[in-house]
Amino acid sequence: GIHAGDVIREGNNVYGGAVNIAARVASASAPGEILVSDIVRGLARTSAGVSFDDRGEHALKGVGEPQRLFAVREGGAS
């Protein structure tokens, strides 16, 4: 799972809300699927060769509000 946000780095470890959300996004994905948060889709939606399929809102453990997730697929921008 991929999410964007601030992290705390201590040596080789990273912590913080963005790391936790990324882990929850990963746990919501099917085998072989790459899911991203709405923030990441917004940052990458104009990238050539990448498009996204809306997977709807998901209640992620430890995250206050449902998060809209998107599956990454090769192809034109969406």
PDB file of N, CA and C in Angstrom:
ATOM      1  N   GLY A   1       0.822  -1.179   0.000  1.00  0.00           N
ATOM      2  CA  GLY A   1       0.000   0.000   0.000  1.00  0.00           C
ATOM      3  C   GLY A   1       0.867   1.244   0.000  1.00  0.00           C
ATOM      4  N   ILE A   2       0.393   2.273  -0.664  1.00  0.00           N
ATOM      5  CA  ILE A   2       1.170   3.506  -0.772  1.00  0.00           C
ATOM      6  C   ILE A   2       0.324   4.677  -0.280  1.00  0.00           C
ATOM      7  N   HIS A   3       0.933   5.485   0.584  1.00  0.00           N
ATOM      8  CA  HIS A   3       0.314   6.694   1.108  1.00  0.00           C
ATOM      9  C   HIS A   3       1.410   7.749   1.189  1.00  0.00           C
ATOM     10  N   ALA A   4       1.041   9.004   1.236  1.00  0.00           N
ATOM     11  CA  ALA A   4       2.015  10.096   1.337  1.00  0.00           C
ATOM     12  C   ALA A   4       1.727  10.914   2.583  1.00  0.00           C
ATOM     13  N   GLY A   5       2.779  11.327   3.254  1.00  0.00           N
ATOM     14  CA  GLY A   5       2.627  12.160   4.437  1.00  0.00           C
ATOM     15  C   GLY A   5       3.926  12.237   5.206  1.00  0.00           C
ATOM     16  N   ASP A   6       3.874  12.936   6.320  1.00  0.00           N
ATOM     17  CA  ASP A   6       5.057  13.112   7.156  1.00  0.00           C
ATOM     18  C   ASP A   6       5.394  11.827   7.899  1.00  0.00           C
ATOM     19  N   VAL A   7       6.700  11.578   8.046  1.00  0.00           N
ATOM     20  CA  VAL A   7       7.176  10.426   8.804  1.00  0.00           C
ATOM     21  C   VAL A   7       8.278  10.875   9.757  1.00  0.00           C
ATOM     22  N   ILE A   8       8.511  10.057  10.750  1.00  0.00           N
ATOM     23  CA  ILE A   8       9.613  10.265  11.682  1.00  0.00           C
ATOM     24  C   ILE A   8      10.637   9.191  11.379  1.00  0.00           C
ATOM     25  N   ARG A   9      11.885   9.604  11.160  1.00  0.00           N
ATOM     26  CA  ARG A   9      12.931   8.642  10.843  1.00  0.00           C
ATOM     27  C   ARG A   9      13.923   8.581  11.988  1.00  0.00           C
ATOM     28  N   GLU A  10      14.164   7.370  12.464  1.00  0.00           N
ATOM     29  CA  GLU A  10      15.158   7.109  13.500  1.00  0.00           C
ATOM     30  C   GLU A  10      16.021   5.957  13.017  1.00  0.00           C
ATOM     31  N   GLY A  11      17.228   6.276  12.574  1.00  0.00           N
ATOM     32  CA  GLY A  11      18.101   5.241  12.023  1.00  0.00           C
ATOM     33  C   GLY A  11      17.480   4.652  10.774  1.00  0.00           C
ATOM     34  N   ASN A  12      17.300   3.341  10.763  1.00  0.00           N
ATOM     35  CA  ASN A  12      16.701   2.651   9.619  1.00  0.00           C
ATOM     36  C   ASN A  12      15.197   2.463   9.766  1.00  0.00           C
ATOM     37  N   ASN A  13      14.606   3.035  10.794  1.00  0.00           N
ATOM     38  CA  ASN A  13      13.175   2.875  11.058  1.00  0.00           C
ATOM     39  C   ASN A  13      12.413   4.147  10.736  1.00  0.00           C
ATOM     40  N   VAL A  14      11.168   3.976  10.294  1.00  0.00           N
ATOM     41  CA  VAL A  14      10.280   5.114  10.066  1.00  0.00           C
ATOM     42  C   VAL A  14       8.987   4.875  10.836  1.00  0.00           C
ATOM     43  N   TYR A  15       8.425   5.967  11.346  1.00  0.00           N
ATOM     44  CA  TYR A  15       7.210   5.908  12.145  1.00  0.00           C
ATOM     45  C   TYR A  15       6.282   7.032  11.725  1.00  0.00           C
ATOM     46  N   GLY A  16       5.068   6.959  12.186  1.00  0.00           N
ATOM     47  CA  GLY A  16       4.134   8.064  11.998  1.00  0.00           C
ATOM     48  C   GLY A  16       2.841   7.630  11.345  1.00  0.00           C
ATOM     49  N   GLY A  17       1.921   8.581  11.280  1.00  0.00           N
ATOM     50  CA  GLY A  17       0.605   8.311  10.727  1.00  0.00           C
ATOM     51  C   GLY A  17       0.640   7.832   9.291  1.00  0.00           C
ATOM     52  N   ALA A  18       1.503   8.426   8.463  1.00  0.00           N
ATOM     53  CA  ALA A  18       1.575   8.026   7.055  1.00  0.00           C
ATOM     54  C   ALA A  18       2.023   6.574   6.909  1.00  0.00           C
ATOM     55  N   VAL A  19       2.944   6.153   7.757  1.00  0.00           N
ATOM     56  CA  VAL A  19       3.419   4.766   7.725  1.00  0.00           C
ATOM     57  C   VAL A  19       2.290   3.824   8.130  1.00  0.00           C
ATOM     58  N   ASN A  20       1.557   4.194   9.168  1.00  0.00           N
ATOM     59  CA  ASN A  20       0.444   3.357   9.624  1.00  0.00           C
ATOM     60  C   ASN A  20      -0.641   3.243   8.562  1.00  0.00           C
ATOM     61  N   ILE A  21      -0.978   4.358   7.924  1.00  0.00           N
ATOM     62  CA  ILE A  21      -2.006   4.317   6.883  1.00  0.00           C
ATOM     63  C   ILE A  21      -1.534   3.471   5.705  1.00  0.00           C
ATOM     64  N   ALA A  22      -0.266   3.608   5.303  1.00  0.00           N
ATOM     65  CA  ALA A  22       0.267   2.793   4.202  1.00  0.00           C
ATOM     66  C   ALA A  22       0.150   1.307   4.522  1.00  0.00           C
ATOM     67  N   ALA A  23       0.433   0.932   5.761  1.00  0.00           N
ATOM     68  CA  ALA A  23       0.319  -0.474   6.163  1.00  0.00           C
ATOM     69  C   ALA A  23      -1.132  -0.944   6.092  1.00  0.00           C
ATOM     70  N   ARG A  24      -2.063  -0.104   6.495  1.00  0.00           N
ATOM     71  CA  ARG A  24      -3.489  -0.462   6.439  1.00  0.00           C
ATOM     72  C   ARG A  24      -3.978  -0.549   4.997  1.00  0.00           C
ATOM     73  N   VAL A  25      -3.486   0.344   4.143  1.00  0.00           N
ATOM     74  CA  VAL A  25      -3.836   0.291   2.714  1.00  0.00           C
ATOM     75  C   VAL A  25      -3.336  -1.028   2.126  1.00  0.00           C
ATOM     76  N   ALA A  26      -2.110  -1.412   2.472  1.00  0.00           N
ATOM     77  CA  ALA A  26      -1.554  -2.676   1.978  1.00  0.00           C
ATOM     78  C   ALA A  26      -2.399  -3.861   2.426  1.00  0.00           C
ATOM     79  N   SER A  27      -2.875  -3.821   3.666  1.00  0.00           N
ATOM     80  CA  SER A  27      -3.667  -4.951   4.171  1.00  0.00           C
ATOM     81  C   SER A  27      -5.032  -5.053   3.492  1.00  0.00           C
ATOM     82  N   ALA A  28      -5.494  -3.965   2.880  1.00  0.00           N
ATOM     83  CA  ALA A  28      -6.781  -3.979   2.173  1.00  0.00           C
ATOM     84  C   ALA A  28      -6.658  -4.482   0.738  1.00  0.00           C
ATOM     85  N   SER A  29      -5.436  -4.663   0.253  1.00  0.00           N
ATOM     86  CA  SER A  29      -5.246  -5.042  -1.152  1.00  0.00           C
ATOM     87  C   SER A  29      -5.372  -6.550  -1.349  1.00  0.00           C
ATOM     88  N   ALA A  30      -5.751  -6.917  -2.560  1.00  0.00           N
ATOM     89  CA  ALA A  30      -5.796  -8.324  -2.957  1.00  0.00           C
ATOM     90  C   ALA A  30      -4.378  -8.763  -3.334  1.00  0.00           C
ATOM     91  N   PRO A  31      -4.114 -10.072  -3.362  1.00  0.00           N
ATOM     92  CA  PRO A  31      -2.789 -10.534  -3.779  1.00  0.00           C
ATOM     93  C   PRO A  31      -2.413  -9.981  -5.157  1.00  0.00           C
ATOM     94  N   GLY A  32      -1.229  -9.422  -5.264  1.00  0.00           N
ATOM     95  CA  GLY A  32      -0.742  -8.879  -6.528  1.00  0.00           C
ATOM     96  C   GLY A  32      -1.269  -7.502  -6.871  1.00  0.00           C
ATOM     97  N   GLU A  33      -2.127  -6.945  -6.032  1.00  0.00           N
ATOM     98  CA  GLU A  33      -2.727  -5.638  -6.290  1.00  0.00           C
ATOM     99  C   GLU A  33      -1.960  -4.555  -5.530  1.00  0.00           C
ATOM    100  N   ILE A  34      -1.798  -3.404  -6.156  1.00  0.00           N
ATOM    101  CA  ILE A  34      -1.195  -2.252  -5.495  1.00  0.00           C
ATOM    102  C   ILE A  34      -2.289  -1.223  -5.271  1.00  0.00           C
ATOM    103  N   LEU A  35      -2.557  -0.920  -4.010  1.00  0.00           N
ATOM    104  CA  LEU A  35      -3.539   0.101  -3.671  1.00  0.00           C
ATOM    105  C   LEU A  35      -2.827   1.359  -3.198  1.00  0.00           C
ATOM    106  N   VAL A  36      -3.413   2.496  -3.525  1.00  0.00           N
ATOM    107  CA  VAL A  36      -2.885   3.779  -3.076  1.00  0.00           C
ATOM    108  C   VAL A  36      -4.024   4.586  -2.459  1.00  0.00           C
ATOM    109  N   SER A  37      -3.646   5.528  -1.619  1.00  0.00           N
ATOM    110  CA  SER A  37      -4.631   6.430  -1.027  1.00  0.00           C
ATOM    111  C   SER A  37      -5.016   7.505  -2.038  1.00  0.00           C
ATOM    112  N   ASP A  38      -6.083   8.219  -1.721  1.00  0.00           N
ATOM    113  CA  ASP A  38      -6.537   9.312  -2.582  1.00  0.00           C
ATOM    114  C   ASP A  38      -5.466  10.390  -2.718  1.00  0.00           C
ATOM    115  N   ILE A  39      -4.697  10.620  -1.673  1.00  0.00           N
ATOM    116  CA  ILE A  39      -3.613  11.609  -1.727  1.00  0.00           C
ATOM    117  C   ILE A  39      -2.595  11.219  -2.795  1.00  0.00           C
ATOM    118  N   VAL A  40      -2.193   9.961  -2.808  1.00  0.00           N
ATOM    119  CA  VAL A  40      -1.209   9.492  -3.793  1.00  0.00           C
ATOM    120  C   VAL A  40      -1.787   9.559  -5.198  1.00  0.00           C
ATOM    121  N   ARG A  41      -3.045   9.159  -5.354  1.00  0.00           N
ATOM    122  CA  ARG A  41      -3.667   9.251  -6.682  1.00  0.00           C
ATOM    123  C   ARG A  41      -3.651  10.696  -7.164  1.00  0.00           C
ATOM    124  N   GLY A  42      -3.959  11.628  -6.302  1.00  0.00           N
ATOM    125  CA  GLY A  42      -3.940  13.037  -6.675  1.00  0.00           C
ATOM    126  C   GLY A  42      -2.565  13.512  -7.096  1.00  0.00           C
ATOM    127  N   LEU A  43      -1.534  13.034  -6.422  1.00  0.00           N
ATOM    128  CA  LEU A  43      -0.167  13.426  -6.756  1.00  0.00           C
ATOM    129  C   LEU A  43       0.314  12.797  -8.061  1.00  0.00           C
ATOM    130  N   ALA A  44      -0.173  11.596  -8.369  1.00  0.00           N
ATOM    131  CA  ALA A  44       0.352  10.838  -9.510  1.00  0.00           C
ATOM    132  C   ALA A  44      -0.578  10.766 -10.705  1.00  0.00           C
ATOM    133  N   ARG A  45      -1.761  11.342 -10.627  1.00  0.00           N
ATOM    134  CA  ARG A  45      -2.741  11.119 -11.693  1.00  0.00           C
ATOM    135  C   ARG A  45      -2.334  11.667 -13.049  1.00  0.00           C
ATOM    136  N   THR A  46      -1.387  12.588 -13.108  1.00  0.00           N
ATOM    137  CA  THR A  46      -0.935  13.094 -14.407  1.00  0.00           C
ATOM    138  C   THR A  46       0.311  12.364 -14.904  1.00  0.00           C
ATOM    139  N   SER A  47       0.768  11.358 -14.176  1.00  0.00           N
ATOM    140  CA  SER A  47       1.943  10.598 -14.594  1.00  0.00           C
ATOM    141  C   SER A  47       1.604   9.718 -15.791  1.00  0.00           C
ATOM    142  N   ALA A  48       2.447   9.774 -16.803  1.00  0.00           N
ATOM    143  CA  ALA A  48       2.236   8.963 -18.003  1.00  0.00           C
ATOM    144  C   ALA A  48       2.377   7.480 -17.668  1.00  0.00           C
ATOM    145  N   GLY A  49       1.514   6.677 -18.254  1.00  0.00           N
ATOM    146  CA  GLY A  49       1.608   5.234 -18.103  1.00  0.00           C
ATOM    147  C   GLY A  49       0.981   4.678 -16.839  1.00  0.00           C
ATOM    148  N   VAL A  50       0.318   5.525 -16.048  1.00  0.00           N
ATOM    149  CA  VAL A  50      -0.309   5.056 -14.815  1.00  0.00           C
ATOM    150  C   VAL A  50      -1.761   5.503 -14.787  1.00  0.00           C
ATOM    151  N   SER A  51      -2.637   4.598 -14.414  1.00  0.00           N
ATOM    152  CA  SER A  51      -4.037   4.968 -14.210  1.00  0.00           C
ATOM    153  C   SER A  51      -4.539   4.237 -12.971  1.00  0.00           C
ATOM    154  N   PHE A  52      -5.731   4.595 -12.544  1.00  0.00           N
ATOM    155  CA  PHE A  52      -6.243   4.093 -11.276  1.00  0.00           C
ATOM    156  C   PHE A  52      -7.689   3.643 -11.408  1.00  0.00           C
ATOM    157  N   ASP A  53      -8.029   2.576 -10.709  1.00  0.00           N
ATOM    158  CA  ASP A  53      -9.404   2.102 -10.601  1.00  0.00           C
ATOM    159  C   ASP A  53      -9.885   2.382  -9.184  1.00  0.00           C
ATOM    160  N   ASP A  54     -10.994   3.087  -9.073  1.00  0.00           N
ATOM    161  CA  ASP A  54     -11.558   3.436  -7.770  1.00  0.00           C
ATOM    162  C   ASP A  54     -12.044   2.171  -7.073  1.00  0.00           C
ATOM    163  N   ARG A  55     -11.561   1.927  -5.882  1.00  0.00           N
ATOM    164  CA  ARG A  55     -11.976   0.762  -5.089  1.00  0.00           C
ATOM    165  C   ARG A  55     -12.912   1.161  -3.944  1.00  0.00           C
ATOM    166  N   GLY A  56     -13.338   2.426  -3.936  1.00  0.00           N
ATOM    167  CA  GLY A  56     -14.295   2.875  -2.936  1.00  0.00           C
ATOM    168  C   GLY A  56     -13.660   3.211  -1.603  1.00  0.00           C
ATOM    169  N   GLU A  57     -14.537   3.543  -0.649  1.00  0.00           N
ATOM    170  CA  GLU A  57     -14.065   3.905   0.682  1.00  0.00           C
ATOM    171  C   GLU A  57     -13.905   2.656   1.542  1.00  0.00           C
ATOM    172  N   HIS A  58     -12.857   2.671   2.350  1.00  0.00           N
ATOM    173  CA  HIS A  58     -12.549   1.551   3.237  1.00  0.00           C
ATOM    174  C   HIS A  58     -12.352   2.075   4.651  1.00  0.00           C
ATOM    175  N   ALA A  59     -12.914   1.370   5.611  1.00  0.00           N
ATOM    176  CA  ALA A  59     -12.649   1.667   7.017  1.00  0.00           C
ATOM    177  C   ALA A  59     -11.347   0.966   7.382  1.00  0.00           C
ATOM    178  N   LEU A  60     -10.319   1.736   7.661  1.00  0.00           N
ATOM    179  CA  LEU A  60      -9.009   1.176   7.979  1.00  0.00           C
ATOM    180  C   LEU A  60      -8.791   1.226   9.487  1.00  0.00           C
ATOM    181  N   LYS A  61      -8.325   0.134  10.045  1.00  0.00           N
ATOM    182  CA  LYS A  61      -8.101   0.035  11.485  1.00  0.00           C
ATOM    183  C   LYS A  61      -7.179   1.160  11.965  1.00  0.00           C
ATOM    184  N   GLY A  62      -7.607   1.858  12.999  1.00  0.00           N
ATOM    185  CA  GLY A  62      -6.790   2.910  13.584  1.00  0.00           C
ATOM    186  C   GLY A  62      -6.835   4.238  12.855  1.00  0.00           C
ATOM    187  N   VAL A  63      -7.634   4.321  11.790  1.00  0.00           N
ATOM    188  CA  VAL A  63      -7.756   5.559  11.013  1.00  0.00           C
ATOM    189  C   VAL A  63      -9.175   6.081  11.235  1.00  0.00           C
ATOM    190  N   GLY A  64      -9.302   7.323  11.671  1.00  0.00           N
ATOM    191  CA  GLY A  64     -10.586   7.882  12.072  1.00  0.00           C
ATOM    192  C   GLY A  64     -11.678   7.850  11.023  1.00  0.00           C
ATOM    193  N   GLU A  65     -11.377   8.279   9.814  1.00  0.00           N
ATOM    194  CA  GLU A  65     -12.394   8.367   8.763  1.00  0.00           C
ATOM    195  C   GLU A  65     -12.105   7.363   7.653  1.00  0.00           C
ATOM    196  N   PRO A  66     -13.156   6.879   6.965  1.00  0.00           N
ATOM    197  CA  PRO A  66     -12.934   5.977   5.827  1.00  0.00           C
ATOM    198  C   PRO A  66     -12.024   6.633   4.790  1.00  0.00           C
ATOM    199  N   GLN A  67     -11.212   5.822   4.152  1.00  0.00           N
ATOM    200  CA  GLN A  67     -10.266   6.306   3.151  1.00  0.00           C
ATOM    201  C   GLN A  67     -10.641   5.755   1.781  1.00  0.00           C
ATOM    202  N   ARG A  68     -10.685   6.619   0.768  1.00  0.00           N
ATOM    203  CA  ARG A  68     -10.942   6.169  -0.601  1.00  0.00           C
ATOM    204  C   ARG A  68      -9.637   5.603  -1.144  1.00  0.00           C
ATOM    205  N   LEU A  69      -9.695   4.370  -1.644  1.00  0.00           N
ATOM    206  CA  LEU A  69      -8.514   3.687  -2.162  1.00  0.00           C
ATOM    207  C   LEU A  69      -8.648   3.453  -3.654  1.00  0.00           C
ATOM    208  N   PHE A  70      -7.501   3.382  -4.319  1.00  0.00           N
ATOM    209  CA  PHE A  70      -7.441   3.195  -5.763  1.00  0.00           C
ATOM    210  C   PHE A  70      -6.424   2.116  -6.089  1.00  0.00           C
ATOM    211  N   ALA A  71      -6.781   1.241  -7.037  1.00  0.00           N
ATOM    212  CA  ALA A  71      -5.854   0.227  -7.530  1.00  0.00           C
ATOM    213  C   ALA A  71      -5.067   0.811  -8.692  1.00  0.00           C
ATOM    214  N   VAL A  72      -3.766   0.569  -8.690  1.00  0.00           N
ATOM    215  CA  VAL A  72      -2.890   1.047  -9.757  1.00  0.00           C
ATOM    216  C   VAL A  72      -2.944   0.062 -10.912  1.00  0.00           C
ATOM    217  N   ARG A  73      -3.032   0.587 -12.123  1.00  0.00           N
ATOM    218  CA  ARG A  73      -2.918  -0.267 -13.310  1.00  0.00           C
ATOM    219  C   ARG A  73      -2.116   0.478 -14.364  1.00  0.00           C
ATOM    220  N   GLU A  74      -1.460  -0.288 -15.202  1.00  0.00           N
ATOM    221  CA  GLU A  74      -0.714   0.332 -16.298  1.00  0.00           C
ATOM    222  C   GLU A  74      -1.691   0.848 -17.325  1.00  0.00           C
ATOM    223  N   GLY A  75      -1.354   1.955 -17.924  1.00  0.00           N
ATOM    224  CA  GLY A  75      -2.218   2.525 -18.944  1.00  0.00           C
ATOM    225  C   GLY A  75      -2.271   4.028 -18.819  1.00  0.00           C
ATOM    226  N   GLY A  76      -3.103   4.645 -19.617  1.00  0.00           N
ATOM    227  CA  GLY A  76      -3.218   6.092 -19.624  1.00  0.00           C
ATOM    228  C   GLY A  76      -3.739   6.650 -18.324  1.00  0.00           C
ATOM    229  N   ALA A  77      -3.567   7.935 -18.146  1.00  0.00           N
ATOM    230  CA  ALA A  77      -4.004   8.604 -16.922  1.00  0.00           C
ATOM    231  C   ALA A  77      -5.515   8.552 -16.789  1.00  0.00           C
ATOM    232  N   SER A  78      -5.987   8.453 -15.522  1.00  0.00           N
ATOM    233  CA  SER A  78      -7.433   8.476 -15.249  1.00  0.00           C
ATOM    234  C   SER A  78      -7.731   9.456 -14.144  1.00  0.00           C
TER     235      SER A  78
END
